Amino acid sequence: MKGKSDFCSMQILLTAATPNEIELFINHFPNVDILITGVGAPATIYHLQKKLYQSDYDMVIQAGIGGAFSNNLELGEVVFIKQDTFGDLGAEEKRTYTPFFSTGLIKGHEFPFADGWLINATSLPKDFTLKGVKAVTINKVSDSYLQKIQLTDNFDPQVESMEGAAFHYVCLQEHVPFLQLRAISNYVGERDKSKWKFKEAFENLNAVLTSLIRQLKD
């Protein structure tokens, strides 16, 4: 990353799957480009790749909500995703899931993957602290206990989303520094949305974004 004296001139792109996730932030920093990609990995890959072809950025930030696999993370808490992967890219036979990284169909040791993971080497600003966690990206949000166990057994993740690994994949391929932030809105498998904490997640996510961008820009 750049030194602190260079942050004020940083060209920053902020991405989110939906405008709701960054609605409280959008009008605060007119010198930060905003990209709403749409939900899911395909939309994220297409729109982010296209944007990075059009403009050069010193930093790309993805902000969104996500589910936590255990109550070690609190609802509303904002975390930094250190590494992510495609959690449902594989085969399921007789209720057993096998990631393609384990079969050789996808080479988990070839760039941008490292042992099947998309690892972010970009660090947060020096005085900025968030929990660094592992995440999986899935195409199907489900209340299936089997799916939760399959993901836990294969990846031991702390967070799930529908766009994170796609974001990491593009940024690593394009060699652009990036940060993925997730606010915990629910626990994985809980589909009763009355128990989700959307309001707290959105508010905390936008507060962290505001603080982060100010540190990068000041």
C-alpha atoms as a PDB file:
ATOM      1  CA  MET A   1       0.000   0.000   0.000  1.00  0.00           C
ATOM      2  CA  LYS A   2       0.974   3.612  -0.347  1.00  0.00           C
ATOM      3  CA  GLY A   3       2.440   5.658   2.456  1.00  0.00           C
ATOM      4  CA  LYS A   4       0.090   7.886   4.437  1.00  0.00           C
ATOM      5  CA  SER A   5       1.198  10.998   2.582  1.00  0.00           C
ATOM      6  CA  ASP A   6      -0.016   9.436  -0.652  1.00  0.00           C
ATOM      7  CA  PHE A   7      -3.501   8.434   0.531  1.00  0.00           C
ATOM      8  CA  CYS A   8      -5.074  11.827  -0.192  1.00  0.00           C
ATOM      9  CA  SER A   9      -4.425  11.323  -3.895  1.00  0.00           C
ATOM     10  CA  MET A  10      -5.622   7.717  -3.947  1.00  0.00           C
ATOM     11  CA  GLN A  11      -8.086   6.777  -6.622  1.00  0.00           C
ATOM     12  CA  ILE A  12     -10.608   4.575  -4.813  1.00  0.00           C
ATOM     13  CA  LEU A  13     -13.419   2.438  -6.201  1.00  0.00           C
ATOM     14  CA  LEU A  14     -16.117   1.289  -3.783  1.00  0.00           C
ATOM     15  CA  THR A  15     -18.226  -1.665  -4.921  1.00  0.00           C
ATOM     16  CA  ALA A  16     -21.340  -3.272  -3.487  1.00  0.00           C
ATOM     17  CA  ALA A  17     -23.869  -5.782  -4.739  1.00  0.00           C
ATOM     18  CA  THR A  18     -26.840  -3.533  -3.938  1.00  0.00           C
ATOM     19  CA  PRO A  19     -27.204   0.207  -3.233  1.00  0.00           C
ATOM     20  CA  ASN A  20     -28.847  -0.550   0.124  1.00  0.00           C
ATOM     21  CA  GLU A  21     -25.570  -1.802   1.517  1.00  0.00           C
ATOM     22  CA  ILE A  22     -23.775   1.537   1.075  1.00  0.00           C
ATOM     23  CA  GLU A  23     -26.746   3.923   0.942  1.00  0.00           C
ATOM     24  CA  LEU A  24     -25.637   5.811   4.076  1.00  0.00           C
ATOM     25  CA  PHE A  25     -22.183   6.373   2.571  1.00  0.00           C
ATOM     26  CA  ILE A  26     -22.806   7.150  -1.091  1.00  0.00           C
ATOM     27  CA  ASN A  27     -23.163  10.944  -0.936  1.00  0.00           C
ATOM     28  CA  HIS A  28     -20.433  11.580   1.663  1.00  0.00           C
ATOM     29  CA  PHE A  29     -17.383  11.177  -0.559  1.00  0.00           C
ATOM     30  CA  PRO A  30     -17.910  12.540  -4.093  1.00  0.00           C
ATOM     31  CA  ASN A  31     -14.280  11.750  -4.956  1.00  0.00           C
ATOM     32  CA  VAL A  32     -14.827   8.010  -4.438  1.00  0.00           C
ATOM     33  CA  ASP A  33     -16.164   6.143  -7.470  1.00  0.00           C
ATOM     34  CA  ILE A  34     -19.132   3.863  -6.773  1.00  0.00           C
ATOM     35  CA  LEU A  35     -19.931   0.618  -8.608  1.00  0.00           C
ATOM     36  CA  ILE A  36     -23.113  -1.350  -7.915  1.00  0.00           C
ATOM     37  CA  THR A  37     -22.386  -4.743  -9.446  1.00  0.00           C
ATOM     38  CA  GLY A  38     -25.620  -6.603  -8.769  1.00  0.00           C
ATOM     39  CA  VAL A  39     -26.023  -9.763  -6.707  1.00  0.00           C
ATOM     40  CA  GLY A  40     -23.876 -12.843  -7.265  1.00  0.00           C
ATOM     41  CA  ALA A  41     -20.503 -13.863  -8.623  1.00  0.00           C
ATOM     42  CA  PRO A  42     -21.232 -13.577 -12.386  1.00  0.00           C
ATOM     43  CA  ALA A  43     -22.472  -9.978 -12.124  1.00  0.00           C
ATOM     44  CA  THR A  44     -19.561  -9.055  -9.850  1.00  0.00           C
ATOM     45  CA  ILE A  45     -16.953 -10.468 -12.213  1.00  0.00           C
ATOM     46  CA  TYR A  46     -18.435  -8.855 -15.318  1.00  0.00           C
ATOM     47  CA  HIS A  47     -19.078  -5.358 -13.979  1.00  0.00           C
ATOM     48  CA  LEU A  48     -15.905  -5.096 -11.903  1.00  0.00           C
ATOM     49  CA  GLN A  49     -13.712  -6.331 -14.746  1.00  0.00           C
ATOM     50  CA  LYS A  50     -15.324  -3.857 -17.120  1.00  0.00           C
ATOM     51  CA  LYS A  51     -14.837  -0.979 -14.676  1.00  0.00           C
ATOM     52  CA  LEU A  52     -11.171  -1.806 -14.101  1.00  0.00           C
ATOM     53  CA  TYR A  53     -10.590  -1.788 -17.864  1.00  0.00           C
ATOM     54  CA  GLN A  54     -12.053   1.728 -18.033  1.00  0.00           C
ATOM     55  CA  SER A  55     -10.191   3.311 -15.106  1.00  0.00           C
ATOM     56  CA  ASP A  56      -7.081   2.824 -12.986  1.00  0.00           C
ATOM     57  CA  TYR A  57      -7.507   2.600  -9.212  1.00  0.00           C
ATOM     58  CA  ASP A  58      -5.078   2.532  -6.311  1.00  0.00           C
ATOM     59  CA  MET A  59      -7.577   0.702  -4.133  1.00  0.00           C
ATOM     60  CA  VAL A  60     -10.817  -1.224  -4.665  1.00  0.00           C
ATOM     61  CA  ILE A  61     -13.134  -1.853  -1.716  1.00  0.00           C
ATOM     62  CA  GLN A  62     -16.053  -4.259  -1.640  1.00  0.00           C
ATOM     63  CA  ALA A  63     -18.618  -3.670   1.097  1.00  0.00           C
ATOM     64  CA  GLY A  64     -21.611  -5.815   1.904  1.00  0.00           C
ATOM     65  CA  ILE A  65     -23.453  -7.949   4.391  1.00  0.00           C
ATOM     66  CA  GLY A  66     -22.773 -11.612   5.058  1.00  0.00           C
ATOM     67  CA  GLY A  67     -23.719 -14.558   7.203  1.00  0.00           C
ATOM     68  CA  ALA A  68     -21.617 -15.904  10.082  1.00  0.00           C
ATOM     69  CA  PHE A  69     -21.095 -19.610  10.733  1.00  0.00           C
ATOM     70  CA  SER A  70     -20.983 -19.262  14.515  1.00  0.00           C
ATOM     71  CA  ASN A  71     -21.765 -16.816  17.275  1.00  0.00           C
ATOM     72  CA  ASN A  72     -18.061 -16.074  17.650  1.00  0.00           C
ATOM     73  CA  LEU A  73     -19.005 -13.163  15.406  1.00  0.00           C
ATOM     74  CA  GLU A  74     -21.784 -10.885  16.623  1.00  0.00           C
ATOM     75  CA  LEU A  75     -24.698  -9.736  14.507  1.00  0.00           C
ATOM     76  CA  GLY A  76     -23.874  -6.274  13.190  1.00  0.00           C
ATOM     77  CA  GLU A  77     -20.119  -6.792  13.540  1.00  0.00           C
ATOM     78  CA  VAL A  78     -17.921  -5.682  10.620  1.00  0.00           C
ATOM     79  CA  VAL A  79     -15.036  -7.922   9.581  1.00  0.00           C
ATOM     80  CA  PHE A  80     -12.189  -7.876   7.073  1.00  0.00           C
ATOM     81  CA  ILE A  81     -12.035 -10.860   4.706  1.00  0.00           C
ATOM     82  CA  LYS A  82      -8.452 -12.120   4.552  1.00  0.00           C
ATOM     83  CA  GLN A  83      -9.163 -14.996   2.181  1.00  0.00           C
ATOM     84  CA  ASP A  84     -12.142 -16.241   0.219  1.00  0.00           C
ATOM     85  CA  THR A  85     -13.018 -19.092  -2.112  1.00  0.00           C
ATOM     86  CA  PHE A  86     -15.851 -20.461  -4.220  1.00  0.00           C
ATOM     87  CA  GLY A  87     -17.609 -22.684  -1.712  1.00  0.00           C
ATOM     88  CA  ASP A  88     -19.934 -24.587  -4.031  1.00  0.00           C
ATOM     89  CA  LEU A  89     -17.681 -25.142  -7.038  1.00  0.00           C
ATOM     90  CA  GLY A  90     -17.500 -28.908  -6.920  1.00  0.00           C
ATOM     91  CA  ALA A  91     -19.451 -32.151  -6.990  1.00  0.00           C
ATOM     92  CA  GLU A  92     -22.024 -33.635  -4.617  1.00  0.00           C
ATOM     93  CA  GLU A  93     -22.549 -37.384  -4.590  1.00  0.00           C
ATOM     94  CA  LYS A  94     -24.478 -39.335  -1.961  1.00  0.00           C
ATOM     95  CA  ARG A  95     -24.686 -36.221   0.228  1.00  0.00           C
ATOM     96  CA  THR A  96     -20.901 -35.791   0.150  1.00  0.00           C
ATOM     97  CA  TYR A  97     -19.491 -32.590  -1.330  1.00  0.00           C
ATOM     98  CA  THR A  98     -16.050 -32.556  -2.948  1.00  0.00           C
ATOM     99  CA  PRO A  99     -14.529 -29.224  -4.063  1.00  0.00           C
ATOM    100  CA  PHE A 100     -13.078 -29.291  -7.564  1.00  0.00           C
ATOM    101  CA  PHE A 101      -9.822 -28.027  -6.037  1.00  0.00           C
ATOM    102  CA  SER A 102      -9.513 -31.481  -4.426  1.00  0.00           C
ATOM    103  CA  THR A 103     -10.112 -33.376  -7.665  1.00  0.00           C
ATOM    104  CA  GLY A 104      -7.612 -31.636  -9.923  1.00  0.00           C
ATOM    105  CA  LEU A 105     -10.307 -30.234 -12.227  1.00  0.00           C
ATOM    106  CA  ILE A 106      -9.292 -26.811 -10.948  1.00  0.00           C
ATOM    107  CA  LYS A 107      -5.649 -26.370  -9.969  1.00  0.00           C
ATOM    108  CA  GLY A 108      -5.741 -24.878  -6.508  1.00  0.00           C
ATOM    109  CA  HIS A 109      -2.058 -23.955  -6.515  1.00  0.00           C
ATOM    110  CA  GLU A 110      -2.091 -21.898  -9.722  1.00  0.00           C
ATOM    111  CA  PHE A 111      -2.438 -18.111  -9.555  1.00  0.00           C
ATOM    112  CA  PRO A 112      -4.618 -16.483  -8.395  1.00  0.00           C
ATOM    113  CA  PHE A 113      -5.348 -19.407  -6.064  1.00  0.00           C
ATOM    114  CA  ALA A 114      -3.138 -20.536  -3.198  1.00  0.00           C
ATOM    115  CA  ASP A 115      -4.155 -23.979  -1.980  1.00  0.00           C
ATOM    116  CA  GLY A 116      -7.638 -23.241  -3.290  1.00  0.00           C
ATOM    117  CA  TRP A 117      -7.906 -19.851  -1.574  1.00  0.00           C
ATOM    118  CA  LEU A 118      -7.965 -16.306  -2.963  1.00  0.00           C
ATOM    119  CA  ILE A 119      -5.781 -14.577  -0.404  1.00  0.00           C
ATOM    120  CA  ASN A 120      -5.628 -10.828   0.093  1.00  0.00           C
ATOM    121  CA  ALA A 121      -2.137  -9.562   0.880  1.00  0.00           C
ATOM    122  CA  THR A 122      -3.325  -5.942   1.127  1.00  0.00           C
ATOM    123  CA  SER A 123      -3.320  -4.738   4.718  1.00  0.00           C
ATOM    124  CA  LEU A 124      -5.651  -2.331   6.437  1.00  0.00           C
ATOM    125  CA  PRO A 125      -4.300   1.121   7.341  1.00  0.00           C
ATOM    126  CA  LYS A 126      -1.975   0.947  10.351  1.00  0.00           C
ATOM    127  CA  ASP A 127      -4.397   2.318  12.933  1.00  0.00           C
ATOM    128  CA  PHE A 128      -7.454   0.505  11.591  1.00  0.00           C
ATOM    129  CA  THR A 129      -8.460  -2.704  13.349  1.00  0.00           C
ATOM    130  CA  LEU A 130     -11.050  -5.287  12.307  1.00  0.00           C
ATOM    131  CA  LYS A 131     -11.152  -9.046  12.766  1.00  0.00           C
ATOM    132  CA  GLY A 132      -9.562 -10.798   9.806  1.00  0.00           C
ATOM    133  CA  VAL A 133     -11.576 -13.873   8.804  1.00  0.00           C
ATOM    134  CA  LYS A 134     -11.946 -16.606   6.179  1.00  0.00           C
ATOM    135  CA  ALA A 135     -15.002 -16.606   3.931  1.00  0.00           C
ATOM    136  CA  VAL A 136     -16.722 -18.720   1.309  1.00  0.00           C
ATOM    137  CA  THR A 137     -18.770 -17.470  -1.615  1.00  0.00           C
ATOM    138  CA  ILE A 138     -21.848 -19.440  -2.609  1.00  0.00           C
ATOM    139  CA  ASN A 139     -24.491 -19.191  -5.304  1.00  0.00           C
ATOM    140  CA  LYS A 140     -27.338 -20.459  -3.138  1.00  0.00           C
ATOM    141  CA  VAL A 141     -28.327 -19.102   0.269  1.00  0.00           C
ATOM    142  CA  SER A 142     -30.026 -21.932   2.117  1.00  0.00           C
ATOM    143  CA  ASP A 143     -31.369 -23.128   5.464  1.00  0.00           C
ATOM    144  CA  SER A 144     -29.886 -26.561   4.695  1.00  0.00           C
ATOM    145  CA  TYR A 145     -27.997 -27.973   7.659  1.00  0.00           C
ATOM    146  CA  LEU A 146     -26.223 -30.355   5.267  1.00  0.00           C
ATOM    147  CA  GLN A 147     -24.923 -27.448   3.169  1.00  0.00           C
ATOM    148  CA  LYS A 148     -23.661 -25.697   6.301  1.00  0.00           C
ATOM    149  CA  ILE A 149     -21.826 -28.838   7.452  1.00  0.00           C
ATOM    150  CA  GLN A 150     -20.348 -29.414   3.987  1.00  0.00           C
ATOM    151  CA  LEU A 151     -18.962 -25.881   3.881  1.00  0.00           C
ATOM    152  CA  THR A 152     -17.655 -26.101   7.434  1.00  0.00           C
ATOM    153  CA  ASP A 153     -15.981 -29.466   6.900  1.00  0.00           C
ATOM    154  CA  ASN A 154     -14.315 -28.457   3.635  1.00  0.00           C
ATOM    155  CA  PHE A 155     -13.337 -24.859   4.316  1.00  0.00           C
ATOM    156  CA  ASP A 156     -13.771 -24.044   8.030  1.00  0.00           C
ATOM    157  CA  PRO A 157     -15.016 -20.549   7.100  1.00  0.00           C
ATOM    158  CA  GLN A 158     -16.292 -17.871   9.444  1.00  0.00           C
ATOM    159  CA  VAL A 159     -18.380 -15.892   6.919  1.00  0.00           C
ATOM    160  CA  GLU A 160     -20.339 -16.520   3.722  1.00  0.00           C
ATOM    161  CA  SER A 161     -21.405 -14.144   0.954  1.00  0.00           C
ATOM    162  CA  MET A 162     -22.471 -14.322  -2.692  1.00  0.00           C
ATOM    163  CA  GLU A 163     -19.814 -12.042  -4.227  1.00  0.00           C
ATOM    164  CA  GLY A 164     -16.591 -12.039  -2.190  1.00  0.00           C
ATOM    165  CA  ALA A 165     -14.527 -14.665  -4.002  1.00  0.00           C
ATOM    166  CA  ALA A 166     -15.480 -13.167  -7.370  1.00  0.00           C
ATOM    167  CA  PHE A 167     -14.215  -9.799  -6.134  1.00  0.00           C
ATOM    168  CA  HIS A 168     -10.929 -11.310  -4.906  1.00  0.00           C
ATOM    169  CA  TYR A 169     -10.512 -13.233  -8.161  1.00  0.00           C
ATOM    170  CA  VAL A 170     -10.766 -10.156 -10.386  1.00  0.00           C
ATOM    171  CA  CYS A 171      -8.596  -7.922  -8.183  1.00  0.00           C
ATOM    172  CA  LEU A 172      -5.858 -10.527  -7.916  1.00  0.00           C
ATOM    173  CA  GLN A 173      -5.895 -11.104 -11.672  1.00  0.00           C
ATOM    174  CA  GLU A 174      -5.664  -7.360 -12.300  1.00  0.00           C
ATOM    175  CA  HIS A 175      -2.997  -6.817  -9.605  1.00  0.00           C
ATOM    176  CA  VAL A 176      -4.941  -4.042  -7.889  1.00  0.00           C
ATOM    177  CA  PRO A 177      -4.916  -3.626  -4.072  1.00  0.00           C
ATOM    178  CA  PHE A 178      -8.276  -4.466  -2.545  1.00  0.00           C
ATOM    179  CA  LEU A 179     -10.212  -4.806   0.697  1.00  0.00           C
ATOM    180  CA  GLN A 180     -13.404  -6.777   1.325  1.00  0.00           C
ATOM    181  CA  LEU A 181     -15.533  -5.722   4.300  1.00  0.00           C
ATOM    182  CA  ARG A 182     -18.581  -7.643   5.528  1.00  0.00           C
ATOM    183  CA  ALA A 183     -21.113  -6.738   8.200  1.00  0.00           C
ATOM    184  CA  ILE A 184     -22.737  -9.770   9.814  1.00  0.00           C
ATOM    185  CA  SER A 185     -26.489  -9.615   9.241  1.00  0.00           C
ATOM    186  CA  ASN A 186     -27.404 -13.204  10.176  1.00  0.00           C
ATOM    187  CA  TYR A 187     -26.168 -16.628  11.115  1.00  0.00           C
ATOM    188  CA  VAL A 188     -25.803 -19.180   8.329  1.00  0.00           C
ATOM    189  CA  GLY A 189     -28.875 -21.397   8.039  1.00  0.00           C
ATOM    190  CA  GLU A 190     -31.228 -18.984   9.807  1.00  0.00           C
ATOM    191  CA  ARG A 191     -33.872 -18.032   7.243  1.00  0.00           C
ATOM    192  CA  ASP A 192     -36.261 -16.285   9.657  1.00  0.00           C
ATOM    193  CA  LYS A 193     -35.455 -12.720   8.633  1.00  0.00           C
ATOM    194  CA  SER A 194     -37.087 -11.328  11.777  1.00  0.00           C
ATOM    195  CA  LYS A 195     -33.928 -12.569  13.528  1.00  0.00           C
ATOM    196  CA  TRP A 196     -31.593 -10.892  11.049  1.00  0.00           C
ATOM    197  CA  LYS A 197     -29.989  -7.553  11.930  1.00  0.00           C
ATOM    198  CA  PHE A 198     -30.103  -5.659   8.635  1.00  0.00           C
ATOM    199  CA  LYS A 199     -30.346  -2.190  10.191  1.00  0.00           C
ATOM    200  CA  GLU A 200     -27.413  -2.703  12.547  1.00  0.00           C
ATOM    201  CA  ALA A 201     -25.319  -4.329   9.819  1.00  0.00           C
ATOM    202  CA  PHE A 202     -25.951  -1.516   7.333  1.00  0.00           C
ATOM    203  CA  GLU A 203     -25.280   1.208   9.913  1.00  0.00           C
ATOM    204  CA  ASN A 204     -22.077  -0.357  11.210  1.00  0.00           C
ATOM    205  CA  LEU A 205     -20.801  -1.146   7.729  1.00  0.00           C
ATOM    206  CA  ASN A 206     -21.268   2.435   6.578  1.00  0.00           C
ATOM    207  CA  ALA A 207     -19.679   3.823   9.740  1.00  0.00           C
ATOM    208  CA  VAL A 208     -16.614   1.660   9.176  1.00  0.00           C
ATOM    209  CA  LEU A 209     -16.502   2.647   5.506  1.00  0.00           C
ATOM    210  CA  THR A 210     -16.629   6.336   6.410  1.00  0.00           C
ATOM    211  CA  SER A 211     -13.783   5.933   8.897  1.00  0.00           C
ATOM    212  CA  LEU A 212     -11.717   3.856   6.470  1.00  0.00           C
ATOM    213  CA  ILE A 213     -12.083   6.227   3.526  1.00  0.00           C
ATOM    214  CA  ARG A 214     -11.242   9.206   5.703  1.00  0.00           C
ATOM    215  CA  GLN A 215      -8.038   7.500   6.828  1.00  0.00           C
ATOM    216  CA  LEU A 216      -7.150   6.637   3.259  1.00  0.00           C
ATOM    217  CA  LYS A 217      -7.901  10.141   2.004  1.00  0.00           C
ATOM    218  CA  ASP A 218      -6.523  12.250   4.889  1.00  0.00           C
END
